[in-house]
Structure formats: C-alpha cells, structure tokens
Amino acid sequence: MLLAMHALNFLLLTLFLCSVCCELCDRGTGECKELTASDCPVIFYIQHLIANEIKYCNEIDDIVCCPLPLNNQKQAPVEENRPYEKECNHFNDIRASCHQSPFIVGGTKAAGREFPFMALIGLKERDKSEINWDCGGTLVHPRFVITAAHCLETTETKEQRLDPNFNSPKFVVRLGELDYNSTTDDAQPQDFNVVNYVVHPAYDVDDDRKVENDIAVIELDRNATLTEYVAPACLPPSSGNDHLQLTAAGWGLTTDSGHKSSHLLKVSLERFGDDLCEERLEVEIETRTQFCAGSINGIGDTCNGDSGGPIFVQHPRYNCLKLLIGITSYGSICGTRGRPSVYTKVYLYTDWIESIVWGE
C-alpha cells in the first residue's frame, strides 16, 4: 500500500512538472522548461552571464521561461475583455469612414487622415511660440500617447520639467497634423500640454549605447477630440512576430545628415531576423524586447526625429485601425543599404501600458 502511494505521488509530481514545462510564459514568447543543457541550452550555457535576467516559472524546481525561436512562438488568443481590446472596438466605431489604404529615408508622403494616431512631440521654451519637434508618438487612448523613453530625457528633474512655473522647456504634443509648416494641408491639428509621463522603470542606456526598455507613456492635459484626423491605434494582442512587412511613419530626417520633413512621411519596411540584424548592426540586441526592421536590399529606414514613432500593421479585424507593433528606438547610420534600425516590441509591455492608461 505504501509503495502504491509513493508511486501515485511520483506520478502526480511528474504530471505537475510536465504541465508546468508545457506552459507558455512571457506572453507566449517562451516556454517553461527545466534549466538543463538538453531542455533549455540557450539559458543553461550563459546563465552565469545573465543571472539577474532569468525568468522563472518555478524557481524552487529550477523551471525557467525558456525563449522560443521566433517561428515557434505561440500567439496568445485575443482577450476580448481586456480594456485595450474593448477600447479598440470602440475606436473603430467612432470613425464613420476611413481610408482603406491597407521620414523617413526613402519614404513617400502620407495622405491627410491616413494615420490619425500619429503624434508630434516637441519642446517649447517658456514665453516663446516656436516649437521644436523632436520625436514622434502614437495615440492609444484619447488622453495617452506611447513614445520612446529616450525622447523624454532631460537635464531637469521630471518635477521641474512638468512644473509650469519652473523656467525650462516644456513638452508639448500635437495630434491631427500632416505638414506642420502648412496651414492649407488636409489636417486639423490639436495641441496639448503634458501633465505627466511615465518612463519604463527598466529603461537603460549602457556605456556601449545599448538601449533597453525604450518605451514611455505620456499623459495629455485633456482628452483629445476624436475625429477623422485624430483617432487612436490599437495595442497588439499578440507578439506580431509573424508580420514580416511593416510600415513606419514620422517627420524625421530624410537623410542621415539632412533636414527634417515637415510633411508626415511613410515607408514600408522588412523585418530582419535576429542573427542578420546583429550581423548588420554589429551590436547585440535584446531579442526578447526588441526587433530590427529596414530594407534588406534597399535604403528605406527611419532616422533622427522619427524616434518614438510607430511601426505598425493593418488591424486584422478593423478596417479603420492599425496595430502598434513597435516603437522606433535607435539605429546607426540612417538609410545605409541593408542596415536596419532597432524597435521596441510593444506586445511585452501591454500589461504595463494598460496599468497606466486604464488602471484604477
């Protein structure tokens, strides 16, 4: 009887470990596996180098979240009850009509109302009317914009930068713009002050200029008026790793040492595999949270001034909406043939974004 109970307990433990080891983790980009040379070699052989970065499914039993290759990553089902999914449906209903069209170096001019989620982020000196537009962003809620964390780096403290009585440049956001040097273009701009911003707590730039967790959320001083010219994009319900053809948009430089485009530009980009990306960039990227895109054989690219702007795809269910797949983070030399830029994956940050934008 005692032997039978031991056998049963062993069987239950085996089934438990099997169920744990078969579970997806890190939002479907990894799988729970034992930390052994055979089950998870990608972590086993470098664990002494990345000890602080290992994610555990069960630390006591040494079960880690083992990263899956991109082509094997599972797509989590759409969670219809998530706040951002409910809002996405609402945003689609708001626009009675929209363009059906399924900066940038090698880009073409965007049409009015084509990308109503685009945001300009700039600096305005106290008591001056001129605005220096430095970065891009993406409207994901009538009051919140997603951008790159490095776009919000300042010499002042956050409290000083947000204090209207402190003498420093202030962040401003413009929505609904097309050409910021024109008053006769097909645009209906709305300007906003920034009342708060949250930089991801793990944002970091190391001595080798490697950028990690380059993402931030900006809160506007009021809700935007949603129109054909101003409407949010949607957060992605899955990793987006299956999207190999992407679109980027922005008002950045049109050559590496050229001038910014005052007219919104768009460009089609190809996704680079991680190995090809690191070979072409000659730097190591954090493949769990970053990806590369560019023109493998051409010169299409994002550039300075496009930072913080979106890289996106058509929403599979809503004709009027786009999915925000990535955020323009950094690169080397803009528009160099076959050399990509690096983008922050949005999917792995949706919980964090949701806690700020739709949190209690």
Protein backbone atom coordinates (compact mmCIF):
# COMPACT_ATOMS: atom_id res chain seq x y z
CA MET A 1 0.00 0.00 0.00
CA LEU A 2 2.83 2.38 0.94
CA LEU A 3 4.63 1.63 -2.32
CA ALA A 4 1.45 2.30 -4.26
CA MET A 5 1.05 5.70 -2.54
CA HIS A 6 4.68 6.58 -3.32
CA ALA A 7 4.12 5.59 -6.95
CA LEU A 8 0.96 7.70 -7.10
CA ASN A 9 2.72 10.72 -5.58
CA PHE A 10 5.58 10.32 -8.05
CA LEU A 11 3.12 10.13 -10.93
CA LEU A 12 1.28 13.26 -9.73
CA LEU A 13 4.59 15.13 -9.36
CA THR A 14 5.64 14.03 -12.84
CA LEU A 15 2.33 15.17 -14.31
CA PHE A 16 2.63 18.50 -12.46
CA LEU A 17 6.14 19.13 -13.75
CA CYS A 18 5.08 18.13 -17.25
CA SER A 19 2.16 20.57 -17.11
CA VAL A 20 4.46 23.32 -15.88
CA CYS A 21 7.07 22.54 -18.51
CA CYS A 22 4.45 22.71 -21.25
CA GLU A 23 3.10 26.09 -20.19
CA LEU A 24 3.77 29.19 -22.21
CA CYS A 25 5.38 32.11 -20.40
CA ASP A 26 6.38 35.71 -21.01
CA ARG A 27 3.17 36.30 -23.02
CA GLY A 28 3.74 33.33 -25.33
CA THR A 29 7.33 34.15 -26.30
CA GLY A 30 8.78 31.44 -24.06
CA GLU A 31 8.01 28.01 -22.65
CA CYS A 32 8.50 26.72 -19.11
CA LYS A 33 11.35 24.19 -19.15
CA GLU A 34 13.91 22.69 -16.79
CA LEU A 35 17.21 24.55 -16.69
CA THR A 36 19.30 21.79 -18.26
CA ALA A 37 21.62 21.59 -21.23
CA SER A 38 19.09 19.50 -23.14
CA ASP A 39 15.84 21.33 -22.27
CA CYS A 40 16.97 24.96 -22.37
CA PRO A 41 20.53 25.27 -23.71
CA VAL A 42 20.03 28.92 -24.70
CA ILE A 43 19.96 29.86 -21.00
CA PHE A 44 21.89 26.95 -19.47
CA TYR A 45 25.22 27.83 -21.11
CA ILE A 46 25.10 31.56 -20.35
CA GLN A 47 23.24 31.61 -17.03
CA HIS A 48 26.34 32.94 -15.24
CA LEU A 49 26.20 35.98 -17.55
CA ILE A 50 22.50 36.72 -17.28
CA ALA A 51 21.68 35.53 -13.75
CA ASN A 52 19.69 38.67 -12.94
CA GLU A 53 17.68 38.44 -16.16
CA ILE A 54 16.49 34.82 -15.92
CA LYS A 55 12.72 34.50 -15.64
CA TYR A 56 11.46 31.56 -13.62
CA CYS A 57 8.21 29.64 -13.90
CA ASN A 58 9.16 27.76 -10.71
CA GLU A 59 12.43 28.88 -9.15
CA ILE A 60 12.44 26.16 -6.46
CA ASP A 61 12.43 23.40 -9.09
CA ASP A 62 14.70 25.34 -11.49
CA ILE A 63 11.97 25.69 -14.13
CA VAL A 64 12.79 28.72 -16.29
CA CYS A 65 10.97 30.63 -19.00
CA CYS A 66 12.99 29.43 -21.97
CA PRO A 67 12.76 31.77 -25.02
CA LEU A 68 11.22 30.17 -28.08
CA PRO A 69 12.57 30.79 -31.61
CA LEU A 70 10.52 33.46 -33.39
CA ASN A 71 8.96 30.96 -35.77
CA ASN A 72 7.82 28.77 -32.87
CA GLN A 73 6.41 31.45 -30.60
CA LYS A 74 2.76 30.85 -29.81
CA GLN A 75 0.18 33.53 -30.41
CA ALA A 76 -1.98 34.01 -27.35
CA PRO A 77 -5.71 34.21 -28.08
CA VAL A 78 -7.25 37.66 -28.22
CA GLU A 79 -8.54 38.57 -24.77
CA GLU A 80 -11.80 40.31 -25.61
CA ASN A 81 -12.32 41.58 -22.06
CA ARG A 82 -9.01 43.41 -21.83
CA PRO A 83 -9.61 47.18 -21.57
CA TYR A 84 -7.47 47.95 -24.59
CA GLU A 85 -9.37 45.41 -26.70
CA LYS A 86 -12.72 46.90 -25.70
CA GLU A 87 -11.42 50.39 -26.48
CA CYS A 88 -10.04 49.23 -29.82
CA ASN A 89 -13.52 48.14 -30.88
CA HIS A 90 -14.88 51.49 -29.70
CA PHE A 91 -12.26 53.45 -31.65
CA ASN A 92 -13.20 51.63 -34.85
CA ASP A 93 -16.88 52.54 -34.38
CA ILE A 94 -16.07 56.23 -33.90
CA ARG A 95 -14.79 56.73 -37.44
CA ALA A 96 -17.76 56.81 -39.79
CA SER A 97 -15.47 56.45 -42.76
CA CYS A 98 -11.77 55.97 -43.23
CA HIS A 99 -9.13 55.45 -45.85
CA GLN A 100 -8.80 51.84 -46.93
CA SER A 101 -5.11 52.05 -47.78
CA PRO A 102 -4.03 48.78 -46.31
CA PHE A 103 10.76 60.42 -42.55
CA ILE A 104 11.81 58.78 -43.18
CA VAL A 105 14.53 57.72 -45.61
CA GLY A 106 13.19 56.52 -48.93
CA GLY A 107 9.64 57.30 -47.82
CA THR A 108 6.64 58.84 -49.54
CA LYS A 109 4.24 61.48 -48.32
CA ALA A 110 1.32 60.30 -46.22
CA ALA A 111 -2.18 61.48 -47.09
CA GLY A 112 -4.38 63.53 -44.78
CA ARG A 113 -6.28 61.36 -42.28
CA GLU A 114 -4.26 58.30 -43.34
CA PHE A 115 -2.57 57.84 -39.94
CA PRO A 116 -4.73 59.72 -37.39
CA PHE A 117 -2.87 58.12 -34.46
CA MET A 118 0.37 59.95 -35.25
CA ALA A 119 1.65 62.34 -32.59
CA LEU A 120 4.33 65.01 -32.76
CA ILE A 121 6.30 65.51 -29.54
CA GLY A 122 8.23 68.73 -29.15
CA LEU A 123 9.77 71.26 -26.81
CA LYS A 124 8.51 74.79 -26.28
CA GLU A 125 10.57 77.40 -24.50
CA ARG A 126 8.83 79.48 -21.88
CA ASP A 127 7.20 82.62 -23.30
CA LYS A 128 8.03 81.60 -26.88
CA SER A 129 5.65 80.41 -29.57
CA GLU A 130 8.12 78.35 -31.61
CA ILE A 131 8.06 74.57 -31.06
CA ASN A 132 11.00 72.29 -31.83
CA TRP A 133 9.52 68.95 -32.93
CA ASP A 134 11.97 66.26 -31.84
CA CYS A 135 10.10 62.94 -31.66
CA GLY A 136 7.06 61.03 -32.72
CA GLY A 137 4.49 59.06 -30.77
CA THR A 138 1.29 57.05 -31.07
CA LEU A 139 -2.09 57.91 -29.64
CA VAL A 140 -3.56 54.79 -27.95
CA HIS A 141 -6.26 56.50 -25.86
CA PRO A 142 -7.83 59.97 -26.09
CA ARG A 143 -5.54 61.11 -23.27
CA PHE A 144 -2.40 58.97 -23.65
CA VAL A 145 0.46 58.71 -26.15
CA ILE A 146 3.13 55.98 -26.38
CA THR A 147 6.67 57.05 -27.30
CA ALA A 148 10.32 56.12 -26.70
CA ALA A 149 11.75 56.69 -23.23
CA HIS A 150 14.83 58.41 -24.64
CA CYS A 151 12.59 61.14 -26.09
CA LEU A 152 11.85 62.28 -22.53
CA GLU A 153 15.42 62.52 -21.24
CA THR A 154 16.04 65.94 -19.71
CA THR A 155 18.68 67.78 -17.72
CA GLU A 156 15.99 68.81 -15.23
CA THR A 157 14.07 66.54 -12.92
CA LYS A 158 10.69 65.28 -14.08
CA GLU A 159 9.01 67.50 -11.47
CA GLN A 160 10.82 70.58 -12.77
CA ARG A 161 10.04 69.78 -16.40
CA LEU A 162 6.33 69.39 -15.59
CA ASP A 163 6.11 72.43 -13.29
CA PRO A 164 4.63 75.31 -15.35
CA ASN A 165 6.35 77.82 -13.03
CA PHE A 166 9.83 76.35 -13.44
CA ASN A 167 11.86 78.03 -16.18
CA SER A 168 12.65 75.15 -18.52
CA PRO A 169 11.43 73.93 -21.93
CA LYS A 170 8.08 72.14 -21.71
CA PHE A 171 6.92 69.07 -23.59
CA VAL A 172 4.03 69.59 -25.96
CA VAL A 173 2.11 67.15 -28.15
CA ARG A 174 0.31 67.77 -31.43
CA LEU A 175 -2.25 65.40 -32.92
CA GLY A 176 -4.02 65.52 -36.27
CA GLU A 177 -1.08 67.12 -38.10
CA LEU A 178 0.14 66.42 -41.63
CA ASP A 179 2.55 69.23 -42.56
CA TYR A 180 3.49 71.43 -39.62
CA ASN A 181 4.77 74.17 -41.92
CA SER A 182 1.47 74.43 -43.79
CA THR A 183 -1.93 75.83 -42.86
CA THR A 184 -3.60 74.66 -46.09
CA ASP A 185 -2.89 70.93 -45.86
CA ASP A 186 -5.53 68.30 -45.13
CA ALA A 187 -5.13 68.44 -41.35
CA GLN A 188 -6.94 69.52 -38.19
CA PRO A 189 -4.23 69.85 -35.51
CA GLN A 190 -4.94 69.69 -31.80
CA ASP A 191 -2.22 70.89 -29.39
CA PHE A 192 -1.72 69.66 -25.83
CA ASN A 193 0.43 70.30 -22.81
CA VAL A 194 1.91 67.31 -20.98
CA VAL A 195 0.76 66.87 -17.38
CA ASN A 196 2.58 63.61 -16.67
CA TYR A 197 4.80 61.00 -18.25
CA VAL A 198 5.97 57.57 -17.12
CA VAL A 199 9.27 56.17 -18.35
CA HIS A 200 9.55 52.38 -18.12
CA PRO A 201 11.29 51.60 -14.80
CA ALA A 202 13.81 49.29 -16.52
CA TYR A 203 14.79 51.80 -19.23
CA ASP A 204 18.55 51.91 -19.53
CA VAL A 205 21.34 53.03 -21.84
CA ASP A 206 24.67 51.36 -21.05
CA ASP A 207 28.21 52.53 -21.78
CA ASP A 208 28.11 50.89 -25.21
CA ARG A 209 24.96 52.90 -26.03
CA LYS A 210 22.86 49.74 -25.90
CA VAL A 211 19.29 50.84 -25.22
CA GLU A 212 16.85 48.63 -23.32
CA ASN A 213 13.13 49.01 -22.50
CA ASP A 214 12.92 52.18 -24.57
CA ILE A 215 9.24 52.95 -24.00
CA ALA A 216 7.23 55.59 -22.15
CA VAL A 217 3.65 56.78 -21.71
CA ILE A 218 2.67 60.46 -21.95
CA GLU A 219 -0.49 61.88 -20.35
CA LEU A 220 -2.06 64.88 -22.07
CA ASP A 221 -3.71 67.76 -20.23
CA ARG A 222 -7.14 66.77 -21.58
CA ASN A 223 -8.82 64.19 -23.77
CA ALA A 224 -8.31 64.59 -27.50
CA THR A 225 -11.41 65.17 -29.60
CA LEU A 226 -11.63 62.05 -31.76
CA THR A 227 -12.30 62.78 -35.41
CA GLU A 228 -11.31 61.54 -38.86
CA TYR A 229 -7.99 63.33 -38.23
CA VAL A 230 -7.36 62.16 -34.65
CA ALA A 231 -8.03 58.54 -33.63
CA PRO A 232 -6.01 56.01 -31.62
CA ALA A 233 -4.14 52.94 -32.81
CA CYS A 234 -4.59 49.61 -31.03
CA LEU A 235 -2.22 47.75 -28.77
CA PRO A 236 -1.27 44.34 -30.17
CA PRO A 237 -2.99 41.24 -28.75
CA SER A 238 -0.04 39.07 -29.80
CA SER A 239 3.69 39.40 -30.44
CA GLY A 240 3.45 40.40 -34.10
CA ASN A 241 6.47 38.22 -34.88
CA ASP A 242 4.61 36.79 -37.87
CA HIS A 243 4.43 40.21 -39.54
CA LEU A 244 7.39 40.46 -41.90
CA GLN A 245 6.17 43.52 -43.83
CA LEU A 246 5.72 46.60 -41.66
CA THR A 247 5.05 50.32 -42.05
CA ALA A 248 6.68 53.22 -40.22
CA ALA A 249 5.75 56.89 -40.25
CA GLY A 250 7.29 60.09 -38.97
CA TRP A 251 8.57 63.61 -39.51
CA GLY A 252 12.28 62.79 -39.09
CA LEU A 253 15.37 63.42 -41.20
CA THR A 254 15.19 62.32 -44.83
CA THR A 255 18.95 61.65 -44.95
CA ASP A 256 21.43 60.91 -42.18
CA SER A 257 22.73 64.49 -42.15
CA GLY A 258 19.81 66.17 -43.87
CA HIS A 259 16.76 68.14 -42.84
CA LYS A 260 13.59 67.04 -41.10
CA SER A 261 10.50 66.59 -43.19
CA SER A 262 7.70 68.94 -42.13
CA HIS A 263 5.28 66.67 -44.01
CA LEU A 264 4.45 63.29 -42.49
CA LEU A 265 6.22 60.50 -44.39
CA LYS A 266 5.61 56.76 -44.51
CA VAL A 267 7.83 53.88 -45.53
CA SER A 268 7.43 50.12 -45.92
CA LEU A 269 10.00 48.09 -44.02
CA GLU A 270 11.07 44.47 -43.88
CA ARG A 271 11.62 42.63 -40.65
CA PHE A 272 15.18 41.31 -40.15
CA GLY A 273 15.91 38.00 -38.47
CA ASP A 274 17.76 38.41 -35.17
CA ASP A 275 21.04 36.94 -36.46
CA LEU A 276 21.01 39.08 -39.60
CA CYS A 277 20.15 42.12 -37.52
CA GLU A 278 23.10 41.71 -35.18
CA GLU A 279 25.41 40.94 -38.10
CA ARG A 280 24.38 44.09 -39.97
CA LEU A 281 24.30 46.38 -36.91
CA GLU A 282 27.41 44.86 -35.32
CA VAL A 283 25.75 45.15 -31.91
CA GLU A 284 23.77 42.69 -29.82
CA ILE A 285 20.08 43.46 -29.35
CA GLU A 286 17.75 42.18 -26.65
CA THR A 287 15.72 39.87 -28.87
CA ARG A 288 13.00 39.33 -26.28
CA THR A 289 12.04 43.01 -26.22
CA GLN A 290 13.49 44.39 -29.48
CA PHE A 291 13.44 43.64 -33.18
CA CYS A 292 15.05 45.03 -36.31
CA ALA A 293 13.49 46.30 -39.49
CA GLY A 294 14.66 48.19 -42.54
CA SER A 295 15.24 47.48 -46.18
CA ILE A 296 17.34 44.37 -46.63
CA ASN A 297 18.47 45.36 -50.13
CA GLY A 298 17.32 48.99 -50.31
CA ILE A 299 17.59 52.21 -48.27
CA GLY A 300 14.15 52.55 -46.65
CA ASP A 301 14.67 53.42 -42.98
CA THR A 302 13.67 55.59 -40.05
CA CYS A 303 16.01 58.36 -38.90
CA ASN A 304 16.60 61.05 -36.27
CA GLY A 305 13.32 62.73 -35.42
CA ASP A 306 11.35 59.55 -36.10
CA SER A 307 12.27 58.31 -32.61
CA GLY A 308 9.30 57.29 -30.52
CA GLY A 309 7.11 56.96 -33.59
CA PRO A 310 5.24 53.79 -34.51
CA ILE A 311 5.92 50.80 -36.66
CA PHE A 312 2.59 49.18 -37.40
CA VAL A 313 0.41 46.83 -39.46
CA GLN A 314 -3.21 46.79 -40.54
CA HIS A 315 -5.58 45.54 -37.84
CA PRO A 316 -6.91 42.11 -38.92
CA ARG A 317 -10.46 42.79 -37.69
CA TYR A 318 -11.00 46.55 -38.03
CA ASN A 319 -10.52 48.24 -41.39
CA CYS A 320 -10.06 51.68 -39.85
CA LEU A 321 -7.39 50.76 -37.31
CA LYS A 322 -3.72 49.85 -37.14
CA LEU A 323 -1.87 47.64 -34.66
CA LEU A 324 1.11 49.23 -32.91
CA ILE A 325 3.81 46.56 -33.25
CA GLY A 326 6.92 48.56 -32.39
CA ILE A 327 8.40 51.90 -31.35
CA THR A 328 11.34 53.48 -33.17
CA SER A 329 14.27 53.28 -30.77
CA TYR A 330 17.73 53.61 -32.35
CA GLY A 331 20.00 52.72 -35.25
CA SER A 332 23.43 53.50 -36.63
CA ILE A 333 23.55 55.38 -39.94
CA CYS A 334 20.18 56.21 -41.47
CA GLY A 335 19.44 54.89 -44.92
CA THR A 336 22.54 52.74 -45.31
CA ARG A 337 21.74 49.90 -47.70
CA GLY A 338 20.87 46.74 -45.80
CA ARG A 339 21.42 48.23 -42.35
CA PRO A 340 18.35 48.07 -40.07
CA SER A 341 17.11 50.14 -37.16
CA VAL A 342 16.02 48.79 -33.77
CA TYR A 343 12.45 48.91 -32.49
CA THR A 344 10.94 48.21 -29.07
CA LYS A 345 8.39 45.37 -29.17
CA VAL A 346 5.13 46.73 -27.78
CA TYR A 347 3.47 43.39 -27.03
CA LEU A 348 5.56 42.54 -23.98
CA TYR A 349 4.67 45.90 -22.41
CA THR A 350 0.89 45.82 -22.86
CA ASP A 351 0.26 44.90 -19.20
CA TRP A 352 2.41 47.84 -18.08
CA ILE A 353 0.74 50.23 -20.53
CA GLU A 354 -2.71 49.01 -19.56
CA SER A 355 -1.97 49.57 -15.85
CA ILE A 356 -1.22 53.25 -16.57
CA VAL A 357 -3.77 54.07 -19.24
CA TRP A 358 -6.73 52.01 -18.00
CA GLY A 359 -5.65 51.41 -14.41
CA GLU A 360 -7.79 52.25 -11.40
